[in-house]
């Protein structure tokens, strides 16, 4: 009861509602993402699915080491304990930098 304003809105998709990390992860399935590992390696591709442990399945995956493309995989599975962060790709691959 602390003046939140929209406590009974039930997540109707309004831009003023608070999104949790879980909501974010659900919303980016099927979209291009960048997954950075603790080792510093980046994987860029389409997020196929993920679970509560942040185990990640990706499609059309590209592996980048020190910013340079090293490998391409059709499908890739990344164990969640290696993941530093997941980010959405705001631009198409190769559009930036």
PDB file of N, CA and C in Angstrom:
ATOM      1  N   UNK A   1       0.812  -1.187   0.000  1.00  0.00           N
ATOM      2  CA  UNK A   1       0.000   0.000   0.000  1.00  0.00           C
ATOM      3  C   UNK A   1       0.854   1.248   0.000  1.00  0.00           C
ATOM      4  N   UNK A   2       1.966   1.218  -0.665  1.00  0.00           N
ATOM      5  CA  UNK A   2       2.906   2.325  -0.614  1.00  0.00           C
ATOM      6  C   UNK A   2       2.855   3.171  -1.869  1.00  0.00           C
ATOM      7  N   UNK A   3       1.679   3.597  -2.296  1.00  0.00           N
ATOM      8  CA  UNK A   3       1.538   4.555  -3.375  1.00  0.00           C
ATOM      9  C   UNK A   3       2.097   4.104  -4.704  1.00  0.00           C
ATOM     10  N   UNK A   4       2.090   2.826  -5.003  1.00  0.00           N
ATOM     11  CA  UNK A   4       2.606   2.333  -6.265  1.00  0.00           C
ATOM     12  C   UNK A   4       1.759   2.740  -7.446  1.00  0.00           C
ATOM     13  N   UNK A   5       0.477   2.986  -7.230  1.00  0.00           N
ATOM     14  CA  UNK A   5      -0.378   3.491  -8.282  1.00  0.00           C
ATOM     15  C   UNK A   5      -1.069   2.402  -9.071  1.00  0.00           C
ATOM     16  N   UNK A   6      -0.328   1.432  -9.588  1.00  0.00           N
ATOM     17  CA  UNK A   6      -0.936   0.430 -10.471  1.00  0.00           C
ATOM     18  C   UNK A   6      -0.766  -0.976  -9.900  1.00  0.00           C
ATOM     19  N   UNK A   7      -1.094  -1.145  -8.639  1.00  0.00           N
ATOM     20  CA  UNK A   7      -0.873  -2.438  -8.005  1.00  0.00           C
ATOM     21  C   UNK A   7      -1.810  -3.513  -8.538  1.00  0.00           C
ATOM     22  N   UNK A   8      -3.007  -3.145  -8.986  1.00  0.00           N
ATOM     23  CA  UNK A   8      -3.957  -4.147  -9.430  1.00  0.00           C
ATOM     24  C   UNK A   8      -4.031  -4.276 -10.935  1.00  0.00           C
ATOM     25  N   UNK A   9      -3.001  -3.825 -11.672  1.00  0.00           N
ATOM     26  CA  UNK A   9      -3.091  -3.783 -13.132  1.00  0.00           C
ATOM     27  C   UNK A   9      -2.828  -5.130 -13.785  1.00  0.00           C
ATOM     28  N   UNK A  10      -2.200  -6.058 -13.106  1.00  0.00           N
ATOM     29  CA  UNK A  10      -2.011  -7.405 -13.642  1.00  0.00           C
ATOM     30  C   UNK A  10      -1.100  -7.489 -14.853  1.00  0.00           C
ATOM     31  N   UNK A  11      -0.233  -6.508 -15.078  1.00  0.00           N
ATOM     32  CA  UNK A  11       0.735  -6.587 -16.171  1.00  0.00           C
ATOM     33  C   UNK A  11       0.110  -6.506 -17.546  1.00  0.00           C
ATOM     34  N   UNK A  12      -0.757  -5.541 -17.763  1.00  0.00           N
ATOM     35  CA  UNK A  12      -1.456  -5.414 -19.032  1.00  0.00           C
ATOM     36  C   UNK A  12      -0.608  -4.886 -20.161  1.00  0.00           C
ATOM     37  N   UNK A  13       0.686  -4.727 -19.971  1.00  0.00           N
ATOM     38  CA  UNK A  13       1.553  -4.294 -21.054  1.00  0.00           C
ATOM     39  C   UNK A  13       1.772  -2.803 -21.112  1.00  0.00           C
ATOM     40  N   UNK A  14       1.256  -2.051 -20.143  1.00  0.00           N
ATOM     41  CA  UNK A  14       1.471  -0.614 -20.128  1.00  0.00           C
ATOM     42  C   UNK A  14       2.923  -0.285 -19.847  1.00  0.00           C
ATOM     43  N   UNK A  15       3.414   0.817 -20.398  1.00  0.00           N
ATOM     44  CA  UNK A  15       4.820   1.150 -20.245  1.00  0.00           C
ATOM     45  C   UNK A  15       5.146   1.610 -18.833  1.00  0.00           C
ATOM     46  N   UNK A  16       4.141   1.965 -18.015  1.00  0.00           N
ATOM     47  CA  UNK A  16       4.412   2.422 -16.666  1.00  0.00           C
ATOM     48  C   UNK A  16       4.521   1.276 -15.666  1.00  0.00           C
ATOM     49  N   UNK A  17       4.164   0.055 -16.063  1.00  0.00           N
ATOM     50  CA  UNK A  17       4.235  -1.063 -15.132  1.00  0.00           C
ATOM     51  C   UNK A  17       5.678  -1.515 -14.956  1.00  0.00           C
ATOM     52  N   UNK A  18       6.003  -1.989 -13.753  1.00  0.00           N
ATOM     53  CA  UNK A  18       7.354  -2.435 -13.447  1.00  0.00           C
ATOM     54  C   UNK A  18       7.595  -3.813 -14.056  1.00  0.00           C
ATOM     55  N   UNK A  19       8.716  -3.951 -14.768  1.00  0.00           N
ATOM     56  CA  UNK A  19       9.071  -5.237 -15.357  1.00  0.00           C
ATOM     57  C   UNK A  19      10.153  -5.886 -14.523  1.00  0.00           C
ATOM     58  N   UNK A  20       9.992  -7.175 -14.280  1.00  0.00           N
ATOM     59  CA  UNK A  20      10.996  -7.922 -13.540  1.00  0.00           C
ATOM     60  C   UNK A  20      12.001  -8.512 -14.535  1.00  0.00           C
ATOM     61  N   UNK A  21      13.156  -8.963 -14.059  1.00  0.00           N
ATOM     62  CA  UNK A  21      14.093  -9.640 -14.962  1.00  0.00           C
ATOM     63  C   UNK A  21      13.457 -10.846 -15.654  1.00  0.00           C
ATOM     64  N   UNK A  22      12.588 -11.550 -14.950  1.00  0.00           N
ATOM     65  CA  UNK A  22      11.905 -12.687 -15.549  1.00  0.00           C
ATOM     66  C   UNK A  22      11.017 -12.251 -16.716  1.00  0.00           C
ATOM     67  N   UNK A  23      10.329 -11.130 -16.557  1.00  0.00           N
ATOM     68  CA  UNK A  23       9.497 -10.594 -17.638  1.00  0.00           C
ATOM     69  C   UNK A  23      10.362 -10.253 -18.855  1.00  0.00           C
ATOM     70  N   UNK A  24      11.521  -9.657 -18.603  1.00  0.00           N
ATOM     71  CA  UNK A  24      12.436  -9.310 -19.686  1.00  0.00           C
ATOM     72  C   UNK A  24      12.881 -10.562 -20.435  1.00  0.00           C
ATOM     73  N   UNK A  25      13.278 -11.589 -19.695  1.00  0.00           N
ATOM     74  CA  UNK A  25      13.767 -12.806 -20.329  1.00  0.00           C
ATOM     75  C   UNK A  25      12.678 -13.491 -21.148  1.00  0.00           C
ATOM     76  N   UNK A  26      11.437 -13.465 -20.647  1.00  0.00           N
ATOM     77  CA  UNK A  26      10.333 -14.043 -21.412  1.00  0.00           C
ATOM     78  C   UNK A  26      10.075 -13.254 -22.682  1.00  0.00           C
ATOM     79  N   UNK A  27      10.251 -11.938 -22.620  1.00  0.00           N
ATOM     80  CA  UNK A  27       9.913 -11.080 -23.760  1.00  0.00           C
ATOM     81  C   UNK A  27      10.938 -11.152 -24.889  1.00  0.00           C
ATOM     82  N   UNK A  28      12.166 -11.615 -24.605  1.00  0.00           N
ATOM     83  CA  UNK A  28      13.197 -11.612 -25.653  1.00  0.00           C
ATOM     84  C   UNK A  28      13.364 -12.956 -26.347  1.00  0.00           C
ATOM     85  N   UNK A  29      12.563 -13.962 -25.976  1.00  0.00           N
ATOM     86  CA  UNK A  29      12.642 -15.249 -26.686  1.00  0.00           C
ATOM     87  C   UNK A  29      12.316 -15.049 -28.154  1.00  0.00           C
ATOM     88  N   UNK A  30      13.147 -15.634 -29.017  1.00  0.00           N
ATOM     89  CA  UNK A  30      12.955 -15.496 -30.449  1.00  0.00           C
ATOM     90  C   UNK A  30      13.573 -14.248 -31.037  1.00  0.00           C
ATOM     91  N   UNK A  31      14.256 -13.466 -30.228  1.00  0.00           N
ATOM     92  CA  UNK A  31      14.870 -12.223 -30.694  1.00  0.00           C
ATOM     93  C   UNK A  31      16.396 -12.326 -30.653  1.00  0.00           C
ATOM     94  N   UNK A  32      17.077 -11.473 -31.422  1.00  0.00           N
ATOM     95  CA  UNK A  32      18.552 -11.468 -31.392  1.00  0.00           C
ATOM     96  C   UNK A  32      19.070 -11.007 -30.032  1.00  0.00           C
ATOM     97  N   UNK A  33      20.046 -11.736 -29.503  1.00  0.00           N
ATOM     98  CA  UNK A  33      20.635 -11.389 -28.209  1.00  0.00           C
ATOM     99  C   UNK A  33      22.151 -11.515 -28.266  1.00  0.00           C
ATOM    100  N   UNK A  34      22.792 -10.897 -27.287  1.00  0.00           N
ATOM    101  CA  UNK A  34      24.222 -11.075 -27.042  1.00  0.00           C
ATOM    102  C   UNK A  34      24.341 -11.689 -25.658  1.00  0.00           C
ATOM    103  N   UNK A  35      25.037 -12.812 -25.565  1.00  0.00           N
ATOM    104  CA  UNK A  35      25.278 -13.474 -24.286  1.00  0.00           C
ATOM    105  C   UNK A  35      26.772 -13.374 -24.009  1.00  0.00           C
ATOM    106  N   UNK A  36      27.126 -12.696 -22.921  1.00  0.00           N
ATOM    107  CA  UNK A  36      28.537 -12.575 -22.548  1.00  0.00           C
ATOM    108  C   UNK A  36      28.832 -13.562 -21.432  1.00  0.00           C
ATOM    109  N   UNK A  37      29.911 -14.317 -21.612  1.00  0.00           N
ATOM    110  CA  UNK A  37      30.311 -15.303 -20.618  1.00  0.00           C
ATOM    111  C   UNK A  37      31.319 -14.709 -19.645  1.00  0.00           C
ATOM    112  N   UNK A  38      31.496 -15.375 -18.515  1.00  0.00           N
ATOM    113  CA  UNK A  38      32.479 -14.935 -17.518  1.00  0.00           C
ATOM    114  C   UNK A  38      33.885 -14.880 -18.102  1.00  0.00           C
ATOM    115  N   UNK A  39      34.154 -15.688 -19.118  1.00  0.00           N
ATOM    116  CA  UNK A  39      35.474 -15.724 -19.749  1.00  0.00           C
ATOM    117  C   UNK A  39      35.706 -14.542 -20.682  1.00  0.00           C
ATOM    118  N   UNK A  40      34.657 -13.761 -20.961  1.00  0.00           N
ATOM    119  CA  UNK A  40      34.789 -12.613 -21.854  1.00  0.00           C
ATOM    120  C   UNK A  40      34.343 -12.900 -23.275  1.00  0.00           C
ATOM    121  N   UNK A  41      34.020 -14.145 -23.591  1.00  0.00           N
ATOM    122  CA  UNK A  41      33.571 -14.518 -24.933  1.00  0.00           C
ATOM    123  C   UNK A  41      32.110 -14.115 -25.100  1.00  0.00           C
ATOM    124  N   UNK A  42      31.772 -13.571 -26.280  1.00  0.00           N
ATOM    125  CA  UNK A  42      30.399 -13.193 -26.610  1.00  0.00           C
ATOM    126  C   UNK A  42      29.805 -14.197 -27.569  1.00  0.00           C
ATOM    127  N   UNK A  43      28.537 -14.510 -27.371  1.00  0.00           N
ATOM    128  CA  UNK A  43      27.774 -15.301 -28.330  1.00  0.00           C
ATOM    129  C   UNK A  43      26.592 -14.471 -28.777  1.00  0.00           C
ATOM    130  N   UNK A  44      26.448 -14.335 -30.090  1.00  0.00           N
ATOM    131  CA  UNK A  44      25.349 -13.552 -30.653  1.00  0.00           C
ATOM    132  C   UNK A  44      24.497 -14.455 -31.516  1.00  0.00           C
ATOM    133  N   UNK A  45      23.203 -14.376 -31.307  1.00  0.00           N
ATOM    134  CA  UNK A  45      22.299 -15.208 -32.077  1.00  0.00           C
ATOM    135  C   UNK A  45      20.869 -15.008 -31.631  1.00  0.00           C
ATOM    136  N   UNK A  46      20.000 -15.929 -32.044  1.00  0.00           N
ATOM    137  CA  UNK A  46      18.588 -15.869 -31.710  1.00  0.00           C
ATOM    138  C   UNK A  46      18.348 -16.713 -30.461  1.00  0.00           C
ATOM    139  N   UNK A  47      17.729 -16.114 -29.446  1.00  0.00           N
ATOM    140  CA  UNK A  47      17.437 -16.836 -28.211  1.00  0.00           C
ATOM    141  C   UNK A  47      16.292 -17.800 -28.450  1.00  0.00           C
ATOM    142  N   UNK A  48      16.571 -19.096 -28.374  1.00  0.00           N
ATOM    143  CA  UNK A  48      15.537 -20.108 -28.583  1.00  0.00           C
ATOM    144  C   UNK A  48      14.776 -20.361 -27.287  1.00  0.00           C
ATOM    145  N   UNK A  49      15.489 -20.589 -26.188  1.00  0.00           N
ATOM    146  CA  UNK A  49      14.836 -20.785 -24.898  1.00  0.00           C
ATOM    147  C   UNK A  49      15.866 -20.679 -23.783  1.00  0.00           C
ATOM    148  N   UNK A  50      15.358 -20.524 -22.559  1.00  0.00           N
ATOM    149  CA  UNK A  50      16.212 -20.538 -21.386  1.00  0.00           C
ATOM    150  C   UNK A  50      15.378 -20.986 -20.197  1.00  0.00           C
ATOM    151  N   UNK A  51      16.068 -21.425 -19.143  1.00  0.00           N
ATOM    152  CA  UNK A  51      15.367 -21.913 -17.956  1.00  0.00           C
ATOM    153  C   UNK A  51      15.744 -21.074 -16.740  1.00  0.00           C
ATOM    154  N   UNK A  52      15.280 -21.496 -15.588  1.00  0.00           N
ATOM    155  CA  UNK A  52      15.505 -20.757 -14.356  1.00  0.00           C
ATOM    156  C   UNK A  52      16.952 -20.709 -13.910  1.00  0.00           C
ATOM    157  N   UNK A  53      17.778 -21.592 -14.438  1.00  0.00           N
ATOM    158  CA  UNK A  53      19.209 -21.586 -14.127  1.00  0.00           C
ATOM    159  C   UNK A  53      19.998 -20.768 -15.128  1.00  0.00           C
ATOM    160  N   UNK A  54      19.305 -20.111 -16.060  1.00  0.00           N
ATOM    161  CA  UNK A  54      19.889 -19.348 -17.153  1.00  0.00           C
ATOM    162  C   UNK A  54      20.685 -20.219 -18.116  1.00  0.00           C
ATOM    163  N   UNK A  55      20.356 -21.512 -18.197  1.00  0.00           N
ATOM    164  CA  UNK A  55      20.849 -22.325 -19.295  1.00  0.00           C
ATOM    165  C   UNK A  55      20.181 -21.783 -20.554  1.00  0.00           C
ATOM    166  N   UNK A  56      20.961 -21.612 -21.614  1.00  0.00           N
ATOM    167  CA  UNK A  56      20.479 -20.909 -22.798  1.00  0.00           C
ATOM    168  C   UNK A  56      20.636 -21.778 -24.033  1.00  0.00           C
ATOM    169  N   UNK A  57      19.600 -21.830 -24.844  1.00  0.00           N
ATOM    170  CA  UNK A  57      19.677 -22.443 -26.173  1.00  0.00           C
ATOM    171  C   UNK A  57      19.548 -21.316 -27.188  1.00  0.00           C
ATOM    172  N   UNK A  58      20.475 -21.293 -28.154  1.00  0.00           N
ATOM    173  CA  UNK A  58      20.491 -20.241 -29.176  1.00  0.00           C
ATOM    174  C   UNK A  58      20.548 -20.867 -30.560  1.00  0.00           C
ATOM    175  N   UNK A  59      20.061 -20.125 -31.542  1.00  0.00           N
ATOM    176  CA  UNK A  59      20.115 -20.527 -32.942  1.00  0.00           C
ATOM    177  C   UNK A  59      20.911 -19.477 -33.714  1.00  0.00           C
ATOM    178  N   UNK A  60      21.463 -19.880 -34.857  1.00  0.00           N
ATOM    179  CA  UNK A  60      22.245 -18.983 -35.720  1.00  0.00           C
ATOM    180  C   UNK A  60      23.306 -18.249 -34.887  1.00  0.00           C
ATOM    181  N   UNK A  61      24.050 -19.016 -34.115  1.00  0.00           N
ATOM    182  CA  UNK A  61      24.960 -18.452 -33.126  1.00  0.00           C
ATOM    183  C   UNK A  61      26.328 -18.150 -33.716  1.00  0.00           C
ATOM    184  N   UNK A  62      26.859 -16.992 -33.345  1.00  0.00           N
ATOM    185  CA  UNK A  62      28.214 -16.590 -33.727  1.00  0.00           C
ATOM    186  C   UNK A  62      29.014 -16.364 -32.454  1.00  0.00           C
ATOM    187  N   UNK A  63      30.261 -16.862 -32.460  1.00  0.00           N
ATOM    188  CA  UNK A  63      31.147 -16.728 -31.302  1.00  0.00           C
ATOM    189  C   UNK A  63      32.166 -15.628 -31.569  1.00  0.00           C
ATOM    190  N   UNK A  64      32.250 -14.665 -30.670  1.00  0.00           N
ATOM    191  CA  UNK A  64      33.192 -13.557 -30.794  1.00  0.00           C
ATOM    192  C   UNK A  64      34.174 -13.589 -29.638  1.00  0.00           C
ATOM    193  N   UNK A  65      35.473 -13.567 -29.969  1.00  0.00           N
ATOM    194  CA  UNK A  65      36.532 -13.509 -28.974  1.00  0.00           C
ATOM    195  C   UNK A  65      37.306 -12.218 -29.226  1.00  0.00           C
ATOM    196  N   UNK A  66      37.406 -11.387 -28.204  1.00  0.00           N
ATOM    197  CA  UNK A  66      38.044 -10.072 -28.329  1.00  0.00           C
ATOM    198  C   UNK A  66      37.446  -9.258 -29.479  1.00  0.00           C
ATOM    199  N   UNK A  67      36.142  -9.374 -29.660  1.00  0.00           N
ATOM    200  CA  UNK A  67      35.450  -8.594 -30.675  1.00  0.00           C
ATOM    201  C   UNK A  67      35.547  -9.137 -32.085  1.00  0.00           C
ATOM    202  N   UNK A  68      36.264 -10.247 -32.284  1.00  0.00           N
ATOM    203  CA  UNK A  68      36.433 -10.813 -33.622  1.00  0.00           C
ATOM    204  C   UNK A  68      35.675 -12.124 -33.745  1.00  0.00           C
ATOM    205  N   UNK A  69      34.998 -12.292 -34.875  1.00  0.00           N
ATOM    206  CA  UNK A  69      34.240 -13.513 -35.137  1.00  0.00           C
ATOM    207  C   UNK A  69      35.197 -14.699 -35.224  1.00  0.00           C
ATOM    208  N   UNK A  70      34.960 -15.714 -34.391  1.00  0.00           N
ATOM    209  CA  UNK A  70      35.823 -16.895 -34.373  1.00  0.00           C
ATOM    210  C   UNK A  70      35.139 -18.133 -34.932  1.00  0.00           C
ATOM    211  N   UNK A  71      33.817 -18.246 -34.741  1.00  0.00           N
ATOM    212  CA  UNK A  71      33.126 -19.459 -35.145  1.00  0.00           C
ATOM    213  C   UNK A  71      31.651 -19.174 -35.352  1.00  0.00           C
ATOM    214  N   UNK A  72      31.016 -20.011 -36.161  1.00  0.00           N
ATOM    215  CA  UNK A  72      29.569 -19.944 -36.352  1.00  0.00           C
ATOM    216  C   UNK A  72      28.987 -21.318 -36.064  1.00  0.00           C
ATOM    217  N   UNK A  73      27.879 -21.337 -35.340  1.00  0.00           N
ATOM    218  CA  UNK A  73      27.207 -22.578 -34.984  1.00  0.00           C
ATOM    219  C   UNK A  73      25.742 -22.475 -35.405  1.00  0.00           C
ATOM    220  N   UNK A  74      25.163 -23.587 -35.830  1.00  0.00           N
ATOM    221  CA  UNK A  74      23.738 -23.590 -36.126  1.00  0.00           C
ATOM    222  C   UNK A  74      22.947 -23.433 -34.843  1.00  0.00           C
ATOM    223  N   UNK A  75      23.201 -24.306 -33.881  1.00  0.00           N
ATOM    224  CA  UNK A  75      22.561 -24.255 -32.577  1.00  0.00           C
ATOM    225  C   UNK A  75      23.647 -24.312 -31.514  1.00  0.00           C
ATOM    226  N   UNK A  76      23.388 -23.654 -30.388  1.00  0.00           N
ATOM    227  CA  UNK A  76      24.358 -23.669 -29.293  1.00  0.00           C
ATOM    228  C   UNK A  76      23.613 -23.753 -27.971  1.00  0.00           C
ATOM    229  N   UNK A  77      24.215 -24.458 -27.015  1.00  0.00           N
ATOM    230  CA  UNK A  77      23.684 -24.536 -25.666  1.00  0.00           C
ATOM    231  C   UNK A  77      24.743 -23.997 -24.716  1.00  0.00           C
ATOM    232  N   UNK A  78      24.357 -23.058 -23.863  1.00  0.00           N
ATOM    233  CA  UNK A  78      25.290 -22.448 -22.913  1.00  0.00           C
ATOM    234  C   UNK A  78      24.802 -22.733 -21.510  1.00  0.00           C
ATOM    235  N   UNK A  79      25.678 -23.302 -20.702  1.00  0.00           N
ATOM    236  CA  UNK A  79      25.320 -23.600 -19.309  1.00  0.00           C
ATOM    237  C   UNK A  79      25.238 -22.295 -18.518  1.00  0.00           C
ATOM    238  N   UNK A  80      24.194 -22.172 -17.721  1.00  0.00           N
ATOM    239  CA  UNK A  80      23.883 -20.916 -17.050  1.00  0.00           C
ATOM    240  C   UNK A  80      24.948 -20.378 -16.127  1.00  0.00           C
ATOM    241  N   UNK A  81      25.734 -21.243 -15.476  1.00  0.00           N
ATOM    242  CA  UNK A  81      26.722 -20.730 -14.529  1.00  0.00           C
ATOM    243  C   UNK A  81      27.882 -20.014 -15.224  1.00  0.00           C
ATOM    244  N   UNK A  82      27.966 -20.100 -16.558  1.00  0.00           N
ATOM    245  CA  UNK A  82      29.006 -19.394 -17.309  1.00  0.00           C
ATOM    246  C   UNK A  82      28.557 -18.018 -17.784  1.00  0.00           C
ATOM    247  N   UNK A  83      27.279 -17.688 -17.615  1.00  0.00           N
ATOM    248  CA  UNK A  83      26.712 -16.468 -18.192  1.00  0.00           C
ATOM    249  C   UNK A  83      26.943 -15.274 -17.279  1.00  0.00           C
ATOM    250  N   UNK A  84      27.550 -14.228 -17.837  1.00  0.00           N
ATOM    251  CA  UNK A  84      27.718 -12.970 -17.125  1.00  0.00           C
ATOM    252  C   UNK A  84      26.477 -12.107 -17.317  1.00  0.00           C
ATOM    253  N   UNK A  85      26.036 -11.954 -18.583  1.00  0.00           N
ATOM    254  CA  UNK A  85      24.793 -11.219 -18.841  1.00  0.00           C
ATOM    255  C   UNK A  85      24.203 -11.599 -20.186  1.00  0.00           C
ATOM    256  N   UNK A  86      22.923 -11.263 -20.350  1.00  0.00           N
ATOM    257  CA  UNK A  86      22.207 -11.415 -21.615  1.00  0.00           C
ATOM    258  C   UNK A  86      21.697 -10.036 -21.987  1.00  0.00           C
ATOM    259  N   UNK A  87      21.949  -9.640 -23.222  1.00  0.00           N
ATOM    260  CA  UNK A  87      21.519  -8.334 -23.694  1.00  0.00           C
ATOM    261  C   UNK A  87      20.814  -8.485 -25.029  1.00  0.00           C
ATOM    262  N   UNK A  88      19.804  -7.662 -25.270  1.00  0.00           N
ATOM    263  CA  UNK A  88      19.169  -7.678 -26.584  1.00  0.00           C
ATOM    264  C   UNK A  88      20.049  -6.917 -27.563  1.00  0.00           C
ATOM    265  N   UNK A  89      20.057  -7.368 -28.806  1.00  0.00           N
ATOM    266  CA  UNK A  89      20.779  -6.647 -29.853  1.00  0.00           C
ATOM    267  C   UNK A  89      19.872  -5.552 -30.351  1.00  0.00           C
ATOM    268  N   UNK A  90      20.247  -4.307 -30.136  1.00  0.00           N
ATOM    269  CA  UNK A  90      19.406  -3.202 -30.575  1.00  0.00           C
ATOM    270  C   UNK A  90      19.513  -2.980 -32.067  1.00  0.00           C
ATOM    271  N   UNK A  91      20.627  -3.381 -32.643  1.00  0.00           N
ATOM    272  CA  UNK A  91      20.838  -3.225 -34.083  1.00  0.00           C
ATOM    273  C   UNK A  91      21.104  -4.598 -34.687  1.00  0.00           C
ATOM    274  N   UNK A  92      21.005  -4.671 -35.998  1.00  0.00           N
ATOM    275  CA  UNK A  92      21.309  -5.945 -36.649  1.00  0.00           C
ATOM    276  C   UNK A  92      22.798  -6.212 -36.512  1.00  0.00           C
ATOM    277  N   UNK A  93      23.186  -7.481 -36.580  1.00  0.00           N
ATOM    278  CA  UNK A  93      24.593  -7.851 -36.409  1.00  0.00           C
ATOM    279  C   UNK A  93      25.425  -7.192 -37.486  1.00  0.00           C
ATOM    280  N   UNK A  94      26.570  -6.639 -37.068  1.00  0.00           N
ATOM    281  CA  UNK A  94      27.469  -5.995 -38.019  1.00  0.00           C
ATOM    282  C   UNK A  94      27.105  -4.556 -38.311  1.00  0.00           C
ATOM    283  N   UNK A  95      26.065  -4.008 -37.650  1.00  0.00           N
ATOM    284  CA  UNK A  95      25.617  -2.650 -37.929  1.00  0.00           C
ATOM    285  C   UNK A  95      26.387  -1.627 -37.114  1.00  0.00           C
ATOM    286  N   UNK A  96      26.897  -2.043 -35.971  1.00  0.00           N
ATOM    287  CA  UNK A  96      27.576  -1.104 -35.092  1.00  0.00           C
ATOM    288  C   UNK A  96      29.084  -1.227 -35.204  1.00  0.00           C
ATOM    289  N   UNK A  97      29.776  -0.734 -34.156  1.00  0.00           N
ATOM    290  CA  UNK A  97      31.229  -0.816 -34.011  1.00  0.00           C
ATOM    291  C   UNK A  97      31.919  -0.205 -35.182  1.00  0.00           C
TER     292      UNK A  97
END
